[in-house]
Structure formats: C-alpha cells, structure tokens
Amino acid sequence: MAKKEKEMPKEQTIKYDGEEYKVSLFTEEEIDDFNHSLDLQNKVQRAAFNLRQINGSAEHYKTKNAKAIERVKEEK
C-alpha cells in the first residue's frame, strides 16, 4: 500500500483588481486594510439588499392601504 503524500499548505493569497498577490508580501496593517475594504463591500451589498427588501415591503403595504381606502370610499 502506498503512503499518502502530505500536501504542502497552499500559501494564502489576496485577489485585487483581477490579480492575485501572496499575503506574505503585505504588512499586517495592509492586510487589515484589505479586510476592512472587503468588510465594507459586504456591508454595502447587504445594505443594498435590505433597501430592496424594504422598498418591496413598503410598496406592498402602500398597495394594501390603497385598497383599504378604496373600500372605505365605496362604503360611504
């Protein structure tokens, strides 16, 4: 039976503007800056999603309110 060869851990990389860079080339502060940037991008995407969700919900209730007003007007 052949022994399994240990795989060397792959060096961590950062992708930026379509190019890949070795993490080991950056200082800790620069790595933190990249992480902050990624976190902010994720927050922007979540905020945009939440805004679409809020707008959809607001439109739903606006439609329901309009139907209620129309029903009240017809009953007068």
PDB file of N, CA and C in Angstrom:
ATOM      1  N   MET A   1       0.853  -1.173   0.000  1.00  0.00           N
ATOM      2  CA  MET A   1       0.000   0.000   0.000  1.00  0.00           C
ATOM      3  C   MET A   1       0.899   1.235   0.000  1.00  0.00           C
ATOM      4  N   ALA A   2       0.607   2.183  -0.865  1.00  0.00           N
ATOM      5  CA  ALA A   2       1.420   3.393  -0.967  1.00  0.00           C
ATOM      6  C   ALA A   2       1.045   4.368   0.135  1.00  0.00           C
ATOM      7  N   LYS A   3       2.069   5.041   0.633  1.00  0.00           N
ATOM      8  CA  LYS A   3       1.817   6.053   1.656  1.00  0.00           C
ATOM      9  C   LYS A   3       1.248   7.299   0.993  1.00  0.00           C
ATOM     10  N   LYS A   4       0.346   7.949   1.716  1.00  0.00           N
ATOM     11  CA  LYS A   4      -0.191   9.209   1.221  1.00  0.00           C
ATOM     12  C   LYS A   4       0.863  10.289   1.395  1.00  0.00           C
ATOM     13  N   GLU A   5       1.042  11.066   0.353  1.00  0.00           N
ATOM     14  CA  GLU A   5       1.980  12.180   0.451  1.00  0.00           C
ATOM     15  C   GLU A   5       1.281  13.352   1.108  1.00  0.00           C
ATOM     16  N   LYS A   6       1.993  14.017   1.990  1.00  0.00           N
ATOM     17  CA  LYS A   6       1.428  15.199   2.635  1.00  0.00           C
ATOM     18  C   LYS A   6       1.436  16.343   1.640  1.00  0.00           C
ATOM     19  N   GLU A   7       0.292  16.999   1.563  1.00  0.00           N
ATOM     20  CA  GLU A   7       0.208  18.169   0.696  1.00  0.00           C
ATOM     21  C   GLU A   7       0.733  19.369   1.458  1.00  0.00           C
ATOM     22  N   MET A   8       1.532  20.139   0.789  1.00  0.00           N
ATOM     23  CA  MET A   8       2.038  21.368   1.386  1.00  0.00           C
ATOM     24  C   MET A   8       0.883  22.352   1.441  1.00  0.00           C
ATOM     25  N   PRO A   9       0.743  23.066   2.557  1.00  0.00           N
ATOM     26  CA  PRO A   9      -0.346  24.052   2.623  1.00  0.00           C
ATOM     27  C   PRO A   9      -0.133  25.128   1.558  1.00  0.00           C
ATOM     28  N   LYS A  10      -1.200  25.437   0.884  1.00  0.00           N
ATOM     29  CA  LYS A  10      -1.139  26.459  -0.157  1.00  0.00           C
ATOM     30  C   LYS A  10      -0.981  27.835   0.502  1.00  0.00           C
ATOM     31  N   GLU A  11      -0.096  28.636  -0.049  1.00  0.00           N
ATOM     32  CA  GLU A  11       0.119  29.968   0.511  1.00  0.00           C
ATOM     33  C   GLU A  11      -1.117  30.822   0.275  1.00  0.00           C
ATOM     34  N   GLN A  12      -1.493  31.573   1.302  1.00  0.00           N
ATOM     35  CA  GLN A  12      -2.674  32.423   1.197  1.00  0.00           C
ATOM     36  C   GLN A  12      -2.410  33.562   0.213  1.00  0.00           C
ATOM     37  N   THR A  13      -3.477  33.912  -0.499  1.00  0.00           N
ATOM     38  CA  THR A  13      -3.378  34.992  -1.477  1.00  0.00           C
ATOM     39  C   THR A  13      -4.529  35.970  -1.305  1.00  0.00           C
ATOM     40  N   ILE A  14      -4.324  37.146  -1.862  1.00  0.00           N
ATOM     41  CA  ILE A  14      -5.347  38.187  -1.909  1.00  0.00           C
ATOM     42  C   ILE A  14      -5.596  38.489  -3.375  1.00  0.00           C
ATOM     43  N   LYS A  15      -6.874  38.498  -3.771  1.00  0.00           N
ATOM     44  CA  LYS A  15      -7.212  38.905  -5.135  1.00  0.00           C
ATOM     45  C   LYS A  15      -7.652  40.354  -5.096  1.00  0.00           C
ATOM     46  N   TYR A  16      -7.070  41.155  -5.978  1.00  0.00           N
ATOM     47  CA  TYR A  16      -7.403  42.576  -6.034  1.00  0.00           C
ATOM     48  C   TYR A  16      -7.302  43.036  -7.471  1.00  0.00           C
ATOM     49  N   ASP A  17      -8.361  43.654  -7.967  1.00  0.00           N
ATOM     50  CA  ASP A  17      -8.417  44.129  -9.357  1.00  0.00           C
ATOM     51  C   ASP A  17      -8.020  43.044 -10.352  1.00  0.00           C
ATOM     52  N   GLY A  18      -8.510  41.826 -10.092  1.00  0.00           N
ATOM     53  CA  GLY A  18      -8.280  40.735 -11.025  1.00  0.00           C
ATOM     54  C   GLY A  18      -6.909  40.078 -10.937  1.00  0.00           C
ATOM     55  N   GLU A  19      -6.075  40.513 -10.030  1.00  0.00           N
ATOM     56  CA  GLU A  19      -4.750  39.910  -9.878  1.00  0.00           C
ATOM     57  C   GLU A  19      -4.616  39.297  -8.494  1.00  0.00           C
ATOM     58  N   GLU A  20      -3.767  38.276  -8.399  1.00  0.00           N
ATOM     59  CA  GLU A  20      -3.581  37.559  -7.148  1.00  0.00           C
ATOM     60  C   GLU A  20      -2.195  37.887  -6.578  1.00  0.00           C
ATOM     61  N   TYR A  21      -2.166  38.156  -5.264  1.00  0.00           N
ATOM     62  CA  TYR A  21      -0.925  38.521  -4.577  1.00  0.00           C
ATOM     63  C   TYR A  21      -0.743  37.633  -3.348  1.00  0.00           C
ATOM     64  N   LYS A  22       0.482  37.275  -3.044  1.00  0.00           N
ATOM     65  CA  LYS A  22       0.776  36.493  -1.848  1.00  0.00           C
ATOM     66  C   LYS A  22       0.588  37.361  -0.613  1.00  0.00           C
ATOM     67  N   VAL A  23      -0.126  36.844   0.361  1.00  0.00           N
ATOM     68  CA  VAL A  23      -0.380  37.567   1.609  1.00  0.00           C
ATOM     69  C   VAL A  23       0.937  37.903   2.302  1.00  0.00           C
ATOM     70  N   SER A  24       1.896  37.024   2.181  1.00  0.00           N
ATOM     71  CA  SER A  24       3.180  37.217   2.872  1.00  0.00           C
ATOM     72  C   SER A  24       3.928  38.472   2.409  1.00  0.00           C
ATOM     73  N   LEU A  25       3.527  39.049   1.288  1.00  0.00           N
ATOM     74  CA  LEU A  25       4.190  40.252   0.778  1.00  0.00           C
ATOM     75  C   LEU A  25       3.693  41.533   1.434  1.00  0.00           C
ATOM     76  N   PHE A  26       2.598  41.431   2.201  1.00  0.00           N
ATOM     77  CA  PHE A  26       1.978  42.610   2.794  1.00  0.00           C
ATOM     78  C   PHE A  26       2.252  42.681   4.292  1.00  0.00           C
ATOM     79  N   THR A  27       2.221  43.905   4.809  1.00  0.00           N
ATOM     80  CA  THR A  27       2.350  44.090   6.255  1.00  0.00           C
ATOM     81  C   THR A  27       1.013  43.747   6.912  1.00  0.00           C
ATOM     82  N   GLU A  28       1.028  43.581   8.225  1.00  0.00           N
ATOM     83  CA  GLU A  28      -0.221  43.302   8.953  1.00  0.00           C
ATOM     84  C   GLU A  28      -1.217  44.437   8.768  1.00  0.00           C
ATOM     85  N   GLU A  29      -0.727  45.664   8.792  1.00  0.00           N
ATOM     86  CA  GLU A  29      -1.615  46.818   8.610  1.00  0.00           C
ATOM     87  C   GLU A  29      -2.258  46.796   7.220  1.00  0.00           C
ATOM     88  N   GLU A  30      -1.484  46.455   6.205  1.00  0.00           N
ATOM     89  CA  GLU A  30      -2.034  46.400   4.843  1.00  0.00           C
ATOM     90  C   GLU A  30      -3.067  45.278   4.720  1.00  0.00           C
ATOM     91  N   ILE A  31      -2.807  44.145   5.369  1.00  0.00           N
ATOM     92  CA  ILE A  31      -3.770  43.040   5.356  1.00  0.00           C
ATOM     93  C   ILE A  31      -5.056  43.471   6.056  1.00  0.00           C
ATOM     94  N   ASP A  32      -4.920  44.176   7.185  1.00  0.00           N
ATOM     95  CA  ASP A  32      -6.100  44.706   7.879  1.00  0.00           C
ATOM     96  C   ASP A  32      -6.883  45.644   6.969  1.00  0.00           C
ATOM     97  N   ASP A  33      -6.168  46.482   6.218  1.00  0.00           N
ATOM     98  CA  ASP A  33      -6.830  47.413   5.299  1.00  0.00           C
ATOM     99  C   ASP A  33      -7.637  46.651   4.236  1.00  0.00           C
ATOM    100  N   PHE A  34      -7.048  45.575   3.696  1.00  0.00           N
ATOM    101  CA  PHE A  34      -7.781  44.760   2.724  1.00  0.00           C
ATOM    102  C   PHE A  34      -9.020  44.147   3.372  1.00  0.00           C
ATOM    103  N   ASN A  35      -8.868  43.651   4.591  1.00  0.00           N
ATOM    104  CA  ASN A  35     -10.010  43.057   5.295  1.00  0.00           C
ATOM    105  C   ASN A  35     -11.091  44.088   5.577  1.00  0.00           C
ATOM    106  N   HIS A  36     -10.686  45.304   5.946  1.00  0.00           N
ATOM    107  CA  HIS A  36     -11.668  46.381   6.162  1.00  0.00           C
ATOM    108  C   HIS A  36     -12.410  46.671   4.858  1.00  0.00           C
ATOM    109  N   SER A  37     -11.671  46.741   3.774  1.00  0.00           N
ATOM    110  CA  SER A  37     -12.266  47.023   2.475  1.00  0.00           C
ATOM    111  C   SER A  37     -13.281  45.949   2.092  1.00  0.00           C
ATOM    112  N   LEU A  38     -12.915  44.677   2.271  1.00  0.00           N
ATOM    113  CA  LEU A  38     -13.841  43.584   1.962  1.00  0.00           C
ATOM    114  C   LEU A  38     -15.074  43.641   2.848  1.00  0.00           C
ATOM    115  N   ASP A  39     -14.870  43.922   4.126  1.00  0.00           N
ATOM    116  CA  ASP A  39     -15.993  44.023   5.052  1.00  0.00           C
ATOM    117  C   ASP A  39     -16.934  45.147   4.647  1.00  0.00           C
ATOM    118  N   LEU A  40     -16.372  46.274   4.264  1.00  0.00           N
ATOM    119  CA  LEU A  40     -17.209  47.406   3.837  1.00  0.00           C
ATOM    120  C   LEU A  40     -17.966  47.082   2.554  1.00  0.00           C
ATOM    121  N   GLN A  41     -17.325  46.394   1.615  1.00  0.00           N
ATOM    122  CA  GLN A  41     -18.010  45.984   0.390  1.00  0.00           C
ATOM    123  C   GLN A  41     -19.187  45.067   0.723  1.00  0.00           C
ATOM    124  N   ASN A  42     -18.967  44.132   1.646  1.00  0.00           N
ATOM    125  CA  ASN A  42     -20.054  43.239   2.060  1.00  0.00           C
ATOM    126  C   ASN A  42     -21.187  44.016   2.716  1.00  0.00           C
ATOM    127  N   LYS A  43     -20.843  45.010   3.542  1.00  0.00           N
ATOM    128  CA  LYS A  43     -21.878  45.823   4.200  1.00  0.00           C
ATOM    129  C   LYS A  43     -22.671  46.623   3.178  1.00  0.00           C
ATOM    130  N   VAL A  44     -22.008  47.147   2.159  1.00  0.00           N
ATOM    131  CA  VAL A  44     -22.703  47.885   1.094  1.00  0.00           C
ATOM    132  C   VAL A  44     -23.675  46.953   0.377  1.00  0.00           C
ATOM    133  N   GLN A  45     -23.232  45.738   0.070  1.00  0.00           N
ATOM    134  CA  GLN A  45     -24.109  44.776  -0.601  1.00  0.00           C
ATOM    135  C   GLN A  45     -25.298  44.397   0.276  1.00  0.00           C
ATOM    136  N   ARG A  46     -25.062  44.186   1.573  1.00  0.00           N
ATOM    137  CA  ARG A  46     -26.165  43.862   2.486  1.00  0.00           C
ATOM    138  C   ARG A  46     -27.128  45.040   2.600  1.00  0.00           C
ATOM    139  N   ALA A  47     -26.589  46.254   2.660  1.00  0.00           N
ATOM    140  CA  ALA A  47     -27.446  47.444   2.764  1.00  0.00           C
ATOM    141  C   ALA A  47     -28.302  47.590   1.506  1.00  0.00           C
ATOM    142  N   ALA A  48     -27.713  47.337   0.341  1.00  0.00           N
ATOM    143  CA  ALA A  48     -28.461  47.431  -0.914  1.00  0.00           C
ATOM    144  C   ALA A  48     -29.572  46.380  -0.941  1.00  0.00           C
ATOM    145  N   PHE A  49     -29.258  45.164  -0.478  1.00  0.00           N
ATOM    146  CA  PHE A  49     -30.272  44.105  -0.402  1.00  0.00           C
ATOM    147  C   PHE A  49     -31.395  44.512   0.544  1.00  0.00           C
ATOM    148  N   ASN A  50     -31.017  45.012   1.728  1.00  0.00           N
ATOM    149  CA  ASN A  50     -32.018  45.430   2.713  1.00  0.00           C
ATOM    150  C   ASN A  50     -32.886  46.547   2.168  1.00  0.00           C
ATOM    151  N   LEU A  51     -32.297  47.483   1.439  1.00  0.00           N
ATOM    152  CA  LEU A  51     -33.075  48.575   0.856  1.00  0.00           C
ATOM    153  C   LEU A  51     -34.083  48.045  -0.164  1.00  0.00           C
ATOM    154  N   ARG A  52     -33.659  47.094  -1.009  1.00  0.00           N
ATOM    155  CA  ARG A  52     -34.602  46.494  -1.970  1.00  0.00           C
ATOM    156  C   ARG A  52     -35.735  45.795  -1.231  1.00  0.00           C
ATOM    157  N   GLN A  53     -35.391  45.107  -0.163  1.00  0.00           N
ATOM    158  CA  GLN A  53     -36.392  44.394   0.625  1.00  0.00           C
ATOM    159  C   GLN A  53     -37.354  45.383   1.286  1.00  0.00           C
ATOM    160  N   ILE A  54     -36.832  46.451   1.844  1.00  0.00           N
ATOM    161  CA  ILE A  54     -37.669  47.472   2.499  1.00  0.00           C
ATOM    162  C   ILE A  54     -38.580  48.142   1.479  1.00  0.00           C
ATOM    163  N   ASN A  55     -38.026  48.500   0.323  1.00  0.00           N
ATOM    164  CA  ASN A  55     -38.837  49.141  -0.717  1.00  0.00           C
ATOM    165  C   ASN A  55     -39.953  48.214  -1.195  1.00  0.00           C
ATOM    166  N   GLY A  56     -39.646  46.936  -1.346  1.00  0.00           N
ATOM    167  CA  GLY A  56     -40.667  45.965  -1.751  1.00  0.00           C
ATOM    168  C   GLY A  56     -41.774  45.860  -0.712  1.00  0.00           C
ATOM    169  N   SER A  57     -41.384  45.803   0.555  1.00  0.00           N
ATOM    170  CA  SER A  57     -42.375  45.729   1.633  1.00  0.00           C
ATOM    171  C   SER A  57     -43.207  46.996   1.703  1.00  0.00           C
ATOM    172  N   ALA A  58     -42.562  48.144   1.574  1.00  0.00           N
ATOM    173  CA  ALA A  58     -43.286  49.416   1.617  1.00  0.00           C
ATOM    174  C   ALA A  58     -44.303  49.492   0.476  1.00  0.00           C
ATOM    175  N   GLU A  59     -43.915  49.026  -0.709  1.00  0.00           N
ATOM    176  CA  GLU A  59     -44.822  49.041  -1.856  1.00  0.00           C
ATOM    177  C   GLU A  59     -46.005  48.106  -1.611  1.00  0.00           C
ATOM    178  N   HIS A  60     -45.747  46.974  -0.992  1.00  0.00           N
ATOM    179  CA  HIS A  60     -46.818  46.020  -0.663  1.00  0.00           C
ATOM    180  C   HIS A  60     -47.859  46.680   0.244  1.00  0.00           C
ATOM    181  N   TYR A  61     -47.405  47.334   1.314  1.00  0.00           N
ATOM    182  CA  TYR A  61     -48.346  47.954   2.249  1.00  0.00           C
ATOM    183  C   TYR A  61     -49.016  49.183   1.649  1.00  0.00           C
ATOM    184  N   LYS A  62     -48.316  49.872   0.769  1.00  0.00           N
ATOM    185  CA  LYS A  62     -48.926  51.007   0.086  1.00  0.00           C
ATOM    186  C   LYS A  62     -50.101  50.518  -0.769  1.00  0.00           C
ATOM    187  N   THR A  63     -49.912  49.402  -1.432  1.00  0.00           N
ATOM    188  CA  THR A  63     -50.988  48.817  -2.242  1.00  0.00           C
ATOM    189  C   THR A  63     -52.155  48.377  -1.361  1.00  0.00           C
ATOM    190  N   LYS A  64     -51.832  47.728  -0.238  1.00  0.00           N
ATOM    191  CA  LYS A  64     -52.895  47.310   0.685  1.00  0.00           C
ATOM    192  C   LYS A  64     -53.649  48.519   1.235  1.00  0.00           C
ATOM    193  N   ASN A  65     -52.937  49.583   1.569  1.00  0.00           N
ATOM    194  CA  ASN A  65     -53.582  50.797   2.081  1.00  0.00           C
ATOM    195  C   ASN A  65     -54.501  51.407   1.032  1.00  0.00           C
ATOM    196  N   ALA A  66     -54.043  51.422  -0.216  1.00  0.00           N
ATOM    197  CA  ALA A  66     -54.864  51.983  -1.291  1.00  0.00           C
ATOM    198  C   ALA A  66     -56.148  51.185  -1.459  1.00  0.00           C
ATOM    199  N   LYS A  67     -56.059  49.864  -1.336  1.00  0.00           N
ATOM    200  CA  LYS A  67     -57.255  49.026  -1.430  1.00  0.00           C
ATOM    201  C   LYS A  67     -58.206  49.303  -0.270  1.00  0.00           C
ATOM    202  N   ALA A  68     -57.653  49.510   0.927  1.00  0.00           N
ATOM    203  CA  ALA A  68     -58.490  49.812   2.094  1.00  0.00           C
ATOM    204  C   ALA A  68     -59.197  51.151   1.906  1.00  0.00           C
ATOM    205  N   ILE A  69     -58.495  52.151   1.424  1.00  0.00           N
ATOM    206  CA  ILE A  69     -59.095  53.468   1.171  1.00  0.00           C
ATOM    207  C   ILE A  69     -60.199  53.346   0.133  1.00  0.00           C
ATOM    208  N   GLU A  70     -59.927  52.579  -0.931  1.00  0.00           N
ATOM    209  CA  GLU A  70     -60.927  52.400  -1.983  1.00  0.00           C
ATOM    210  C   GLU A  70     -62.170  51.719  -1.415  1.00  0.00           C
ATOM    211  N   ARG A  71     -61.999  50.725  -0.560  1.00  0.00           N
ATOM    212  CA  ARG A  71     -63.137  50.037   0.059  1.00  0.00           C
ATOM    213  C   ARG A  71     -63.952  50.994   0.925  1.00  0.00           C
ATOM    214  N   VAL A  72     -63.247  51.838   1.708  1.00  0.00           N
ATOM    215  CA  VAL A  72     -63.935  52.805   2.567  1.00  0.00           C
ATOM    216  C   VAL A  72     -64.719  53.821   1.735  1.00  0.00           C
ATOM    217  N   LYS A  73     -64.107  54.290   0.640  1.00  0.00           N
ATOM    218  CA  LYS A  73     -64.792  55.258  -0.210  1.00  0.00           C
ATOM    219  C   LYS A  73     -66.060  54.657  -0.822  1.00  0.00           C
ATOM    220  N   GLU A  74     -66.009  53.384  -1.198  1.00  0.00           N
ATOM    221  CA  GLU A  74     -67.167  52.737  -1.814  1.00  0.00           C
ATOM    222  C   GLU A  74     -68.292  52.540  -0.801  1.00  0.00           C
ATOM    223  N   GLU A  75     -67.974  52.415   0.467  1.00  0.00           N
ATOM    224  CA  GLU A  75     -68.979  52.173   1.502  1.00  0.00           C
ATOM    225  C   GLU A  75     -69.655  53.465   1.967  1.00  0.00           C
ATOM    226  N   LYS A  76     -69.121  54.602   1.591  1.00  0.00           N
ATOM    227  CA  LYS A  76     -69.731  55.878   2.023  1.00  0.00           C
ATOM    228  C   LYS A  76     -71.023  56.126   1.333  1.00  0.00           C
TER     229      LYS A  76
END
